Amino acid sequence: MTYISYGSGKTISDYFADRLYTFGLPNDLLAVLATFIFREAEKSSSGVGLGNDMVFIHPGGSLLTFLYTDAVKEIEAGIPSLTEAMYSYWATHVKKPEWLKDNYADSAESK
């Protein structure tokens, strides 16, 4: 097993882990990904949010690396919100069909 989640945030955690985890990510990006998943689970599930710790179990299981709540909070402070991340990426990468641009471009500007 590569990752595991438990509790009231399990559904959203499993969803994000399934969609975003890629085997071979370096440990620093794994910590960022896990922190992002923790934050999103906290925001969307009741009973989540008393702080998070992480344990990295290295191949072979002979070495563990612990990141405690304060370290996880420090990582979280540097991660943009899901909305910010999506919209900033979409602004330069989404290829909208012409009919969508022509018919709906002004609706957002008029608000």
PDB file of N, CA and C in Angstrom:
ATOM      1  N   MET A   1       0.847  -1.174   0.000  1.00  0.00           N
ATOM      2  CA  MET A   1       0.000   0.000   0.000  1.00  0.00           C
ATOM      3  C   MET A   1       0.893   1.238   0.000  1.00  0.00           C
ATOM      4  N   THR A   2       0.549   2.217  -0.800  1.00  0.00           N
ATOM      5  CA  THR A   2       1.358   3.416  -0.949  1.00  0.00           C
ATOM      6  C   THR A   2       0.907   4.528  -0.009  1.00  0.00           C
ATOM      7  N   TYR A   3      -0.384   4.657   0.230  1.00  0.00           N
ATOM      8  CA  TYR A   3      -0.908   5.672   1.136  1.00  0.00           C
ATOM      9  C   TYR A   3      -2.177   5.131   1.774  1.00  0.00           C
ATOM     10  N   ILE A   4      -2.564   5.743   2.899  1.00  0.00           N
ATOM     11  CA  ILE A   4      -3.760   5.302   3.604  1.00  0.00           C
ATOM     12  C   ILE A   4      -4.409   6.504   4.269  1.00  0.00           C
ATOM     13  N   SER A   5      -5.712   6.494   4.357  1.00  0.00           N
ATOM     14  CA  SER A   5      -6.436   7.524   5.093  1.00  0.00           C
ATOM     15  C   SER A   5      -7.500   6.844   5.941  1.00  0.00           C
ATOM     16  N   TYR A   6      -7.933   7.548   6.970  1.00  0.00           N
ATOM     17  CA  TYR A   6      -8.886   6.965   7.911  1.00  0.00           C
ATOM     18  C   TYR A   6      -9.708   8.084   8.528  1.00  0.00           C
ATOM     19  N   GLY A   7     -10.942   7.819   8.835  1.00  0.00           N
ATOM     20  CA  GLY A   7     -11.784   8.776   9.547  1.00  0.00           C
ATOM     21  C   GLY A   7     -12.718   9.524   8.623  1.00  0.00           C
ATOM     22  N   SER A   8     -13.266  10.636   9.139  1.00  0.00           N
ATOM     23  CA  SER A   8     -14.296  11.353   8.397  1.00  0.00           C
ATOM     24  C   SER A   8     -13.757  12.038   7.144  1.00  0.00           C
ATOM     25  N   GLY A   9     -12.461  12.236   7.043  1.00  0.00           N
ATOM     26  CA  GLY A   9     -11.879  12.829   5.839  1.00  0.00           C
ATOM     27  C   GLY A   9     -11.418  11.812   4.815  1.00  0.00           C
ATOM     28  N   LYS A  10     -11.701  10.532   5.060  1.00  0.00           N
ATOM     29  CA  LYS A  10     -11.209   9.457   4.200  1.00  0.00           C
ATOM     30  C   LYS A  10     -11.653   9.600   2.743  1.00  0.00           C
ATOM     31  N   THR A  11     -12.902   9.906   2.504  1.00  0.00           N
ATOM     32  CA  THR A  11     -13.417   9.954   1.128  1.00  0.00           C
ATOM     33  C   THR A  11     -12.682  10.998   0.296  1.00  0.00           C
ATOM     34  N   ILE A  12     -12.590  12.227   0.801  1.00  0.00           N
ATOM     35  CA  ILE A  12     -11.913  13.281   0.037  1.00  0.00           C
ATOM     36  C   ILE A  12     -10.413  13.017  -0.038  1.00  0.00           C
ATOM     37  N   SER A  13      -9.843  12.475   1.030  1.00  0.00           N
ATOM     38  CA  SER A  13      -8.409  12.161   1.029  1.00  0.00           C
ATOM     39  C   SER A  13      -8.080  11.097  -0.017  1.00  0.00           C
ATOM     40  N   ASP A  14      -8.882  10.043  -0.044  1.00  0.00           N
ATOM     41  CA  ASP A  14      -8.657   8.990  -1.034  1.00  0.00           C
ATOM     42  C   ASP A  14      -8.825   9.516  -2.457  1.00  0.00           C
ATOM     43  N   TYR A  15      -9.820  10.377  -2.651  1.00  0.00           N
ATOM     44  CA  TYR A  15     -10.044  10.946  -3.980  1.00  0.00           C
ATOM     45  C   TYR A  15      -8.819  11.731  -4.449  1.00  0.00           C
ATOM     46  N   PHE A  16      -8.354  12.669  -3.613  1.00  0.00           N
ATOM     47  CA  PHE A  16      -7.199  13.476  -4.012  1.00  0.00           C
ATOM     48  C   PHE A  16      -5.940  12.631  -4.159  1.00  0.00           C
ATOM     49  N   ALA A  17      -5.725  11.706  -3.256  1.00  0.00           N
ATOM     50  CA  ALA A  17      -4.534  10.861  -3.357  1.00  0.00           C
ATOM     51  C   ALA A  17      -4.566  10.050  -4.651  1.00  0.00           C
ATOM     52  N   ASP A  18      -5.732   9.517  -4.980  1.00  0.00           N
ATOM     53  CA  ASP A  18      -5.863   8.732  -6.209  1.00  0.00           C
ATOM     54  C   ASP A  18      -5.610   9.582  -7.449  1.00  0.00           C
ATOM     55  N   ARG A  19      -6.074  10.822  -7.429  1.00  0.00           N
ATOM     56  CA  ARG A  19      -5.931  11.704  -8.589  1.00  0.00           C
ATOM     57  C   ARG A  19      -4.555  12.355  -8.692  1.00  0.00           C
ATOM     58  N   LEU A  20      -3.918  12.651  -7.559  1.00  0.00           N
ATOM     59  CA  LEU A  20      -2.726  13.484  -7.585  1.00  0.00           C
ATOM     60  C   LEU A  20      -1.416  12.765  -7.279  1.00  0.00           C
ATOM     61  N   TYR A  21      -1.484  11.647  -6.593  1.00  0.00           N
ATOM     62  CA  TYR A  21      -0.253  10.940  -6.238  1.00  0.00           C
ATOM     63  C   TYR A  21       0.337  10.265  -7.463  1.00  0.00           C
ATOM     64  N   THR A  22       1.638  10.412  -7.632  1.00  0.00           N
ATOM     65  CA  THR A  22       2.383   9.739  -8.686  1.00  0.00           C
ATOM     66  C   THR A  22       3.570   9.050  -8.044  1.00  0.00           C
ATOM     67  N   PHE A  23       3.732   7.772  -8.325  1.00  0.00           N
ATOM     68  CA  PHE A  23       4.855   7.028  -7.760  1.00  0.00           C
ATOM     69  C   PHE A  23       6.161   7.702  -8.145  1.00  0.00           C
ATOM     70  N   GLY A  24       7.052   7.832  -7.189  1.00  0.00           N
ATOM     71  CA  GLY A  24       8.364   8.410  -7.448  1.00  0.00           C
ATOM     72  C   GLY A  24       8.476   9.893  -7.140  1.00  0.00           C
ATOM     73  N   LEU A  25       7.386  10.524  -6.640  1.00  0.00           N
ATOM     74  CA  LEU A  25       7.495  11.937  -6.261  1.00  0.00           C
ATOM     75  C   LEU A  25       8.570  12.089  -5.190  1.00  0.00           C
ATOM     76  N   PRO A  26       9.389  13.124  -5.285  1.00  0.00           N
ATOM     77  CA  PRO A  26      10.376  13.341  -4.231  1.00  0.00           C
ATOM     78  C   PRO A  26       9.679  13.646  -2.904  1.00  0.00           C
ATOM     79  N   ASN A  27      10.354  13.356  -1.805  1.00  0.00           N
ATOM     80  CA  ASN A  27       9.748  13.498  -0.481  1.00  0.00           C
ATOM     81  C   ASN A  27       9.234  14.899  -0.196  1.00  0.00           C
ATOM     82  N   ASP A  28       9.918  15.946  -0.681  1.00  0.00           N
ATOM     83  CA  ASP A  28       9.418  17.295  -0.409  1.00  0.00           C
ATOM     84  C   ASP A  28       8.075  17.527  -1.084  1.00  0.00           C
ATOM     85  N   LEU A  29       7.894  17.023  -2.302  1.00  0.00           N
ATOM     86  CA  LEU A  29       6.600  17.160  -2.971  1.00  0.00           C
ATOM     87  C   LEU A  29       5.551  16.254  -2.352  1.00  0.00           C
ATOM     88  N   LEU A  30       5.966  15.090  -1.857  1.00  0.00           N
ATOM     89  CA  LEU A  30       5.018  14.230  -1.138  1.00  0.00           C
ATOM     90  C   LEU A  30       4.480  14.942   0.095  1.00  0.00           C
ATOM     91  N   ALA A  31       5.360  15.639   0.814  1.00  0.00           N
ATOM     92  CA  ALA A  31       4.924  16.376   2.001  1.00  0.00           C
ATOM     93  C   ALA A  31       3.960  17.489   1.623  1.00  0.00           C
ATOM     94  N   VAL A  32       4.222  18.186   0.518  1.00  0.00           N
ATOM     95  CA  VAL A  32       3.319  19.236   0.049  1.00  0.00           C
ATOM     96  C   VAL A  32       1.975  18.627  -0.343  1.00  0.00           C
ATOM     97  N   LEU A  33       1.988  17.534  -1.086  1.00  0.00           N
ATOM     98  CA  LEU A  33       0.754  16.875  -1.502  1.00  0.00           C
ATOM     99  C   LEU A  33      -0.050  16.407  -0.295  1.00  0.00           C
ATOM    100  N   ALA A  34       0.600  15.756   0.655  1.00  0.00           N
ATOM    101  CA  ALA A  34      -0.102  15.286   1.851  1.00  0.00           C
ATOM    102  C   ALA A  34      -0.699  16.460   2.619  1.00  0.00           C
ATOM    103  N   THR A  35       0.044  17.541   2.741  1.00  0.00           N
ATOM    104  CA  THR A  35      -0.453  18.720   3.446  1.00  0.00           C
ATOM    105  C   THR A  35      -1.666  19.297   2.738  1.00  0.00           C
ATOM    106  N   PHE A  36      -1.611  19.383   1.415  1.00  0.00           N
ATOM    107  CA  PHE A  36      -2.752  19.857   0.630  1.00  0.00           C
ATOM    108  C   PHE A  36      -3.972  18.975   0.892  1.00  0.00           C
ATOM    109  N   ILE A  37      -3.774  17.663   0.868  1.00  0.00           N
ATOM    110  CA  ILE A  37      -4.881  16.733   1.092  1.00  0.00           C
ATOM    111  C   ILE A  37      -5.436  16.903   2.505  1.00  0.00           C
ATOM    112  N   PHE A  38      -4.570  17.041   3.492  1.00  0.00           N
ATOM    113  CA  PHE A  38      -5.038  17.266   4.862  1.00  0.00           C
ATOM    114  C   PHE A  38      -5.901  18.522   4.942  1.00  0.00           C
ATOM    115  N   ARG A  39      -5.427  19.597   4.317  1.00  0.00           N
ATOM    116  CA  ARG A  39      -6.168  20.865   4.367  1.00  0.00           C
ATOM    117  C   ARG A  39      -7.535  20.735   3.717  1.00  0.00           C
ATOM    118  N   GLU A  40      -7.581  20.110   2.545  1.00  0.00           N
ATOM    119  CA  GLU A  40      -8.857  19.970   1.856  1.00  0.00           C
ATOM    120  C   GLU A  40      -9.813  19.061   2.627  1.00  0.00           C
ATOM    121  N   ALA A  41      -9.298  18.017   3.257  1.00  0.00           N
ATOM    122  CA  ALA A  41     -10.135  17.141   4.082  1.00  0.00           C
ATOM    123  C   ALA A  41     -10.682  17.922   5.276  1.00  0.00           C
ATOM    124  N   GLU A  42      -9.836  18.752   5.859  1.00  0.00           N
ATOM    125  CA  GLU A  42     -10.271  19.554   7.004  1.00  0.00           C
ATOM    126  C   GLU A  42     -11.390  20.513   6.617  1.00  0.00           C
ATOM    127  N   LYS A  43     -11.267  21.123   5.433  1.00  0.00           N
ATOM    128  CA  LYS A  43     -12.257  22.103   5.000  1.00  0.00           C
ATOM    129  C   LYS A  43     -13.575  21.459   4.584  1.00  0.00           C
ATOM    130  N   SER A  44     -13.561  20.195   4.192  1.00  0.00           N
ATOM    131  CA  SER A  44     -14.769  19.603   3.633  1.00  0.00           C
ATOM    132  C   SER A  44     -15.423  18.528   4.503  1.00  0.00           C
ATOM    133  N   SER A  45     -14.806  18.156   5.606  1.00  0.00           N
ATOM    134  CA  SER A  45     -15.335  17.060   6.414  1.00  0.00           C
ATOM    135  C   SER A  45     -15.441  17.475   7.872  1.00  0.00           C
ATOM    136  N   SER A  46     -16.579  17.158   8.475  1.00  0.00           N
ATOM    137  CA  SER A  46     -16.711  17.457   9.896  1.00  0.00           C
ATOM    138  C   SER A  46     -15.853  16.491  10.705  1.00  0.00           C
ATOM    139  N   GLY A  47     -15.350  16.962  11.805  1.00  0.00           N
ATOM    140  CA  GLY A  47     -14.531  16.118  12.675  1.00  0.00           C
ATOM    141  C   GLY A  47     -13.070  16.043  12.291  1.00  0.00           C
ATOM    142  N   VAL A  48     -12.672  16.815  11.286  1.00  0.00           N
ATOM    143  CA  VAL A  48     -11.274  16.837  10.856  1.00  0.00           C
ATOM    144  C   VAL A  48     -10.716  18.203  11.203  1.00  0.00           C
ATOM    145  N   GLY A  49      -9.477  18.263  11.668  1.00  0.00           N
ATOM    146  CA  GLY A  49      -8.869  19.558  11.846  1.00  0.00           C
ATOM    147  C   GLY A  49      -8.215  19.814  13.177  1.00  0.00           C
ATOM    148  N   LEU A  50      -7.820  18.815  13.886  1.00  0.00           N
ATOM    149  CA  LEU A  50      -7.133  19.031  15.150  1.00  0.00           C
ATOM    150  C   LEU A  50      -5.625  19.097  14.976  1.00  0.00           C
ATOM    151  N   GLY A  51      -5.172  19.207  13.757  1.00  0.00           N
ATOM    152  CA  GLY A  51      -3.745  19.209  13.465  1.00  0.00           C
ATOM    153  C   GLY A  51      -3.346  17.865  12.881  1.00  0.00           C
ATOM    154  N   ASN A  52      -2.303  17.884  12.108  1.00  0.00           N
ATOM    155  CA  ASN A  52      -1.875  16.673  11.421  1.00  0.00           C
ATOM    156  C   ASN A  52      -0.393  16.437  11.622  1.00  0.00           C
ATOM    157  N   ASP A  53      -0.042  15.185  11.738  1.00  0.00           N
ATOM    158  CA  ASP A  53       1.347  14.749  11.734  1.00  0.00           C
ATOM    159  C   ASP A  53       1.523  13.851  10.512  1.00  0.00           C
ATOM    160  N   MET A  54       2.742  13.760  10.016  1.00  0.00           N
ATOM    161  CA  MET A  54       3.046  12.869   8.903  1.00  0.00           C
ATOM    162  C   MET A  54       4.171  11.944   9.300  1.00  0.00           C
ATOM    163  N   VAL A  55       4.100  10.739   8.776  1.00  0.00           N
ATOM    164  CA  VAL A  55       5.195   9.791   8.944  1.00  0.00           C
ATOM    165  C   VAL A  55       5.534   9.260   7.562  1.00  0.00           C
ATOM    166  N   PHE A  56       6.776   9.450   7.148  1.00  0.00           N
ATOM    167  CA  PHE A  56       7.263   8.861   5.909  1.00  0.00           C
ATOM    168  C   PHE A  56       7.924   7.539   6.264  1.00  0.00           C
ATOM    169  N   ILE A  57       7.439   6.481   5.648  1.00  0.00           N
ATOM    170  CA  ILE A  57       8.032   5.159   5.831  1.00  0.00           C
ATOM    171  C   ILE A  57       8.870   4.901   4.593  1.00  0.00           C
ATOM    172  N   HIS A  58      10.153   4.848   4.761  1.00  0.00           N
ATOM    173  CA  HIS A  58      11.063   4.703   3.638  1.00  0.00           C
ATOM    174  C   HIS A  58      11.108   3.254   3.160  1.00  0.00           C
ATOM    175  N   PRO A  59      11.490   3.039   1.902  1.00  0.00           N
ATOM    176  CA  PRO A  59      11.557   1.668   1.365  1.00  0.00           C
ATOM    177  C   PRO A  59      12.316   0.737   2.303  1.00  0.00           C
ATOM    178  N   GLY A  60      11.760  -0.420   2.500  1.00  0.00           N
ATOM    179  CA  GLY A  60      12.351  -1.396   3.401  1.00  0.00           C
ATOM    180  C   GLY A  60      11.855  -1.254   4.825  1.00  0.00           C
ATOM    181  N   GLY A  61      11.220  -0.119   5.132  1.00  0.00           N
ATOM    182  CA  GLY A  61      10.630   0.100   6.441  1.00  0.00           C
ATOM    183  C   GLY A  61      11.604   0.298   7.582  1.00  0.00           C
ATOM    184  N   SER A  62      12.891   0.441   7.280  1.00  0.00           N
ATOM    185  CA  SER A  62      13.865   0.554   8.363  1.00  0.00           C
ATOM    186  C   SER A  62      14.072   1.992   8.822  1.00  0.00           C
ATOM    187  N   LEU A  63      13.526   2.972   8.108  1.00  0.00           N
ATOM    188  CA  LEU A  63      13.720   4.367   8.459  1.00  0.00           C
ATOM    189  C   LEU A  63      12.375   5.080   8.408  1.00  0.00           C
ATOM    190  N   LEU A  64      12.071   5.833   9.452  1.00  0.00           N
ATOM    191  CA  LEU A  64      10.861   6.642   9.512  1.00  0.00           C
ATOM    192  C   LEU A  64      11.262   8.107   9.640  1.00  0.00           C
ATOM    193  N   THR A  65      10.556   8.981   8.960  1.00  0.00           N
ATOM    194  CA  THR A  65      10.748  10.420   9.113  1.00  0.00           C
ATOM    195  C   THR A  65       9.434  11.001   9.600  1.00  0.00           C
ATOM    196  N   PHE A  66       9.476  11.754  10.685  1.00  0.00           N
ATOM    197  CA  PHE A  66       8.279  12.337  11.281  1.00  0.00           C
ATOM    198  C   PHE A  66       8.233  13.831  11.023  1.00  0.00           C
ATOM    199  N   LEU A  67       7.070  14.308  10.585  1.00  0.00           N
ATOM    200  CA  LEU A  67       6.797  15.742  10.498  1.00  0.00           C
ATOM    201  C   LEU A  67       5.620  15.991  11.428  1.00  0.00           C
ATOM    202  N   TYR A  68       5.824  16.842  12.421  1.00  0.00           N
ATOM    203  CA  TYR A  68       4.783  17.097  13.405  1.00  0.00           C
ATOM    204  C   TYR A  68       3.932  18.299  13.008  1.00  0.00           C
ATOM    205  N   THR A  69       2.875  18.544  13.756  1.00  0.00           N
ATOM    206  CA  THR A  69       1.850  19.521  13.417  1.00  0.00           C
ATOM    207  C   THR A  69       2.413  20.885  13.018  1.00  0.00           C
ATOM    208  N   ASP A  70       3.358  21.417  13.756  1.00  0.00           N
ATOM    209  CA  ASP A  70       3.904  22.740  13.428  1.00  0.00           C
ATOM    210  C   ASP A  70       4.595  22.746  12.076  1.00  0.00           C
ATOM    211  N   ALA A  71       5.306  21.675  11.749  1.00  0.00           N
ATOM    212  CA  ALA A  71       5.969  21.581  10.444  1.00  0.00           C
ATOM    213  C   ALA A  71       4.927  21.486   9.332  1.00  0.00           C
ATOM    214  N   VAL A  72       3.864  20.727   9.564  1.00  0.00           N
ATOM    215  CA  VAL A  72       2.799  20.595   8.561  1.00  0.00           C
ATOM    216  C   VAL A  72       2.116  21.943   8.351  1.00  0.00           C
ATOM    217  N   LYS A  73       1.879  22.691   9.422  1.00  0.00           N
ATOM    218  CA  LYS A  73       1.272  24.015   9.302  1.00  0.00           C
ATOM    219  C   LYS A  73       2.175  24.969   8.525  1.00  0.00           C
ATOM    220  N   GLU A  74       3.478  24.852   8.713  1.00  0.00           N
ATOM    221  CA  GLU A  74       4.430  25.701   7.977  1.00  0.00           C
ATOM    222  C   GLU A  74       4.372  25.393   6.478  1.00  0.00           C
ATOM    223  N   ILE A  75       4.283  24.121   6.135  1.00  0.00           N
ATOM    224  CA  ILE A  75       4.156  23.743   4.719  1.00  0.00           C
ATOM    225  C   ILE A  75       2.838  24.285   4.167  1.00  0.00           C
ATOM    226  N   GLU A  76       1.763  24.114   4.931  1.00  0.00           N
ATOM    227  CA  GLU A  76       0.434  24.557   4.485  1.00  0.00           C
ATOM    228  C   GLU A  76       0.397  26.048   4.171  1.00  0.00           C
ATOM    229  N   ALA A  77       1.119  26.837   4.942  1.00  0.00           N
ATOM    230  CA  ALA A  77       1.132  28.290   4.730  1.00  0.00           C
ATOM    231  C   ALA A  77       1.647  28.670   3.338  1.00  0.00           C
ATOM    232  N   GLY A  78       2.435  27.807   2.725  1.00  0.00           N
ATOM    233  CA  GLY A  78       2.986  28.114   1.405  1.00  0.00           C
ATOM    234  C   GLY A  78       2.218  27.529   0.236  1.00  0.00           C
ATOM    235  N   ILE A  79       1.122  26.821   0.509  1.00  0.00           N
ATOM    236  CA  ILE A  79       0.356  26.176  -0.556  1.00  0.00           C
ATOM    237  C   ILE A  79      -0.853  27.036  -0.911  1.00  0.00           C
ATOM    238  N   PRO A  80      -1.009  27.398  -2.194  1.00  0.00           N
ATOM    239  CA  PRO A  80      -2.190  28.187  -2.567  1.00  0.00           C
ATOM    240  C   PRO A  80      -3.463  27.366  -2.376  1.00  0.00           C
ATOM    241  N   SER A  81      -4.576  28.054  -2.261  1.00  0.00           N
ATOM    242  CA  SER A  81      -5.862  27.364  -2.142  1.00  0.00           C
ATOM    243  C   SER A  81      -6.148  26.577  -3.416  1.00  0.00           C
ATOM    244  N   LEU A  82      -7.039  25.633  -3.309  1.00  0.00           N
ATOM    245  CA  LEU A  82      -7.436  24.844  -4.485  1.00  0.00           C
ATOM    246  C   LEU A  82      -7.976  25.765  -5.575  1.00  0.00           C
ATOM    247  N   THR A  83      -8.791  26.722  -5.195  1.00  0.00           N
ATOM    248  CA  THR A  83      -9.361  27.666  -6.161  1.00  0.00           C
ATOM    249  C   THR A  83      -8.277  28.482  -6.850  1.00  0.00           C
ATOM    250  N   GLU A  84      -7.352  29.039  -6.061  1.00  0.00           N
ATOM    251  CA  GLU A  84      -6.259  29.827  -6.643  1.00  0.00           C
ATOM    252  C   GLU A  84      -5.426  28.988  -7.607  1.00  0.00           C
ATOM    253  N   ALA A  85      -5.100  27.777  -7.205  1.00  0.00           N
ATOM    254  CA  ALA A  85      -4.265  26.911  -8.036  1.00  0.00           C
ATOM    255  C   ALA A  85      -4.962  26.573  -9.346  1.00  0.00           C
ATOM    256  N   MET A  86      -6.232  26.228  -9.259  1.00  0.00           N
ATOM    257  CA  MET A  86      -6.972  25.854 -10.477  1.00  0.00           C
ATOM    258  C   MET A  86      -7.131  27.039 -11.409  1.00  0.00           C
ATOM    259  N   TYR A  87      -7.636  28.153 -10.886  1.00  0.00           N
ATOM    260  CA  TYR A  87      -7.948  29.279 -11.759  1.00  0.00           C
ATOM    261  C   TYR A  87      -6.702  29.897 -12.372  1.00  0.00           C
ATOM    262  N   SER A  88      -5.605  29.962 -11.628  1.00  0.00           N
ATOM    263  CA  SER A  88      -4.392  30.533 -12.216  1.00  0.00           C
ATOM    264  C   SER A  88      -3.855  29.634 -13.322  1.00  0.00           C
ATOM    265  N   TYR A  89      -3.969  28.324 -13.150  1.00  0.00           N
ATOM    266  CA  TYR A  89      -3.524  27.402 -14.189  1.00  0.00           C
ATOM    267  C   TYR A  89      -4.478  27.459 -15.386  1.00  0.00           C
ATOM    268  N   TRP A  90      -5.755  27.437 -15.111  1.00  0.00           N
ATOM    269  CA  TRP A  90      -6.745  27.473 -16.190  1.00  0.00           C
ATOM    270  C   TRP A  90      -6.614  28.726 -17.043  1.00  0.00           C
ATOM    271  N   ALA A  91      -6.259  29.844 -16.418  1.00  0.00           N
ATOM    272  CA  ALA A  91      -6.165  31.114 -17.156  1.00  0.00           C
ATOM    273  C   ALA A  91      -5.209  31.018 -18.335  1.00  0.00           C
ATOM    274  N   THR A  92      -4.190  30.175 -18.239  1.00  0.00           N
ATOM    275  CA  THR A  92      -3.198  30.088 -19.308  1.00  0.00           C
ATOM    276  C   THR A  92      -3.180  28.738 -20.032  1.00  0.00           C
ATOM    277  N   HIS A  93      -3.973  27.759 -19.570  1.00  0.00           N
ATOM    278  CA  HIS A  93      -3.875  26.435 -20.159  1.00  0.00           C
ATOM    279  C   HIS A  93      -5.179  25.866 -20.729  1.00  0.00           C
ATOM    280  N   VAL A  94      -6.315  26.418 -20.355  1.00  0.00           N
ATOM    281  CA  VAL A  94      -7.582  25.876 -20.856  1.00  0.00           C
ATOM    282  C   VAL A  94      -7.779  26.334 -22.292  1.00  0.00           C
ATOM    283  N   LYS A  95      -8.141  25.391 -23.142  1.00  0.00           N
ATOM    284  CA  LYS A  95      -8.426  25.694 -24.540  1.00  0.00           C
ATOM    285  C   LYS A  95      -9.939  25.667 -24.721  1.00  0.00           C
ATOM    286  N   LYS A  96     -10.529  26.860 -24.654  1.00  0.00           N
ATOM    287  CA  LYS A  96     -11.982  26.979 -24.753  1.00  0.00           C
ATOM    288  C   LYS A  96     -12.410  26.975 -26.217  1.00  0.00           C
ATOM    289  N   PRO A  97     -13.514  26.312 -26.519  1.00  0.00           N
ATOM    290  CA  PRO A  97     -14.029  26.378 -27.896  1.00  0.00           C
ATOM    291  C   PRO A  97     -14.486  27.807 -28.215  1.00  0.00           C
ATOM    292  N   GLU A  98     -14.415  28.171 -29.464  1.00  0.00           N
ATOM    293  CA  GLU A  98     -14.759  29.534 -29.878  1.00  0.00           C
ATOM    294  C   GLU A  98     -16.167  29.920 -29.468  1.00  0.00           C
ATOM    295  N   TRP A  99     -17.122  28.985 -29.582  1.00  0.00           N
ATOM    296  CA  TRP A  99     -18.499  29.332 -29.227  1.00  0.00           C
ATOM    297  C   TRP A  99     -18.612  29.727 -27.764  1.00  0.00           C
ATOM    298  N   LEU A 100     -17.795  29.129 -26.903  1.00  0.00           N
ATOM    299  CA  LEU A 100     -17.829  29.474 -25.486  1.00  0.00           C
ATOM    300  C   LEU A 100     -17.233  30.863 -25.271  1.00  0.00           C
ATOM    301  N   LYS A 101     -16.135  31.145 -25.957  1.00  0.00           N
ATOM    302  CA  LYS A 101     -15.513  32.466 -25.850  1.00  0.00           C
ATOM    303  C   LYS A 101     -16.467  33.544 -26.353  1.00  0.00           C
ATOM    304  N   ASP A 102     -17.072  33.289 -27.519  1.00  0.00           N
ATOM    305  CA  ASP A 102     -17.929  34.288 -28.150  1.00  0.00           C
ATOM    306  C   ASP A 102     -19.211  34.541 -27.363  1.00  0.00           C
ATOM    307  N   ASN A 103     -19.815  33.502 -26.841  1.00  0.00           N
ATOM    308  CA  ASN A 103     -21.127  33.637 -26.209  1.00  0.00           C
ATOM    309  C   ASN A 103     -21.084  33.952 -24.716  1.00  0.00           C
ATOM    310  N   TYR A 104     -19.984  33.619 -24.040  1.00  0.00           N
ATOM    311  CA  TYR A 104     -19.983  33.728 -22.591  1.00  0.00           C
ATOM    312  C   TYR A 104     -18.858  34.578 -22.025  1.00  0.00           C
ATOM    313  N   ALA A 105     -18.005  35.111 -22.846  1.00  0.00           N
ATOM    314  CA  ALA A 105     -16.858  35.889 -22.351  1.00  0.00           C
ATOM    315  C   ALA A 105     -17.297  37.126 -21.589  1.00  0.00           C
ATOM    316  N   ASP A 106     -18.351  37.786 -22.028  1.00  0.00           N
ATOM    317  CA  ASP A 106     -18.767  39.046 -21.393  1.00  0.00           C
ATOM    318  C   ASP A 106     -19.524  38.827 -20.093  1.00  0.00           C
ATOM    319  N   SER A 107     -20.090  37.663 -19.867  1.00  0.00           N
ATOM    320  CA  SER A 107     -20.905  37.461 -18.666  1.00  0.00           C
ATOM    321  C   SER A 107     -20.083  37.604 -17.388  1.00  0.00           C
ATOM    322  N   ALA A 108     -18.848  37.180 -17.382  1.00  0.00           N
ATOM    323  CA  ALA A 108     -18.000  37.305 -16.202  1.00  0.00           C
ATOM    324  C   ALA A 108     -17.530  38.751 -16.017  1.00  0.00           C
ATOM    325  N   GLU A 109     -17.308  39.446 -17.117  1.00  0.00           N
ATOM    326  CA  GLU A 109     -16.829  40.813 -17.047  1.00  0.00           C
ATOM    327  C   GLU A 109     -17.920  41.778 -16.586  1.00  0.00           C
ATOM    328  N   SER A 110     -19.197  41.453 -16.819  1.00  0.00           N
ATOM    329  CA  SER A 110     -20.276  42.362 -16.473  1.00  0.00           C
ATOM    330  C   SER A 110     -20.661  42.310 -15.000  1.00  0.00           C
ATOM    331  N   LYS A 111     -20.101  41.350 -14.260  1.00  0.00           N
ATOM    332  CA  LYS A 111     -20.459  41.226 -12.838  1.00  0.00           C
ATOM    333  C   LYS A 111     -19.640  42.115 -11.971  1.00  0.00           C
TER     334      LYS A 111
END
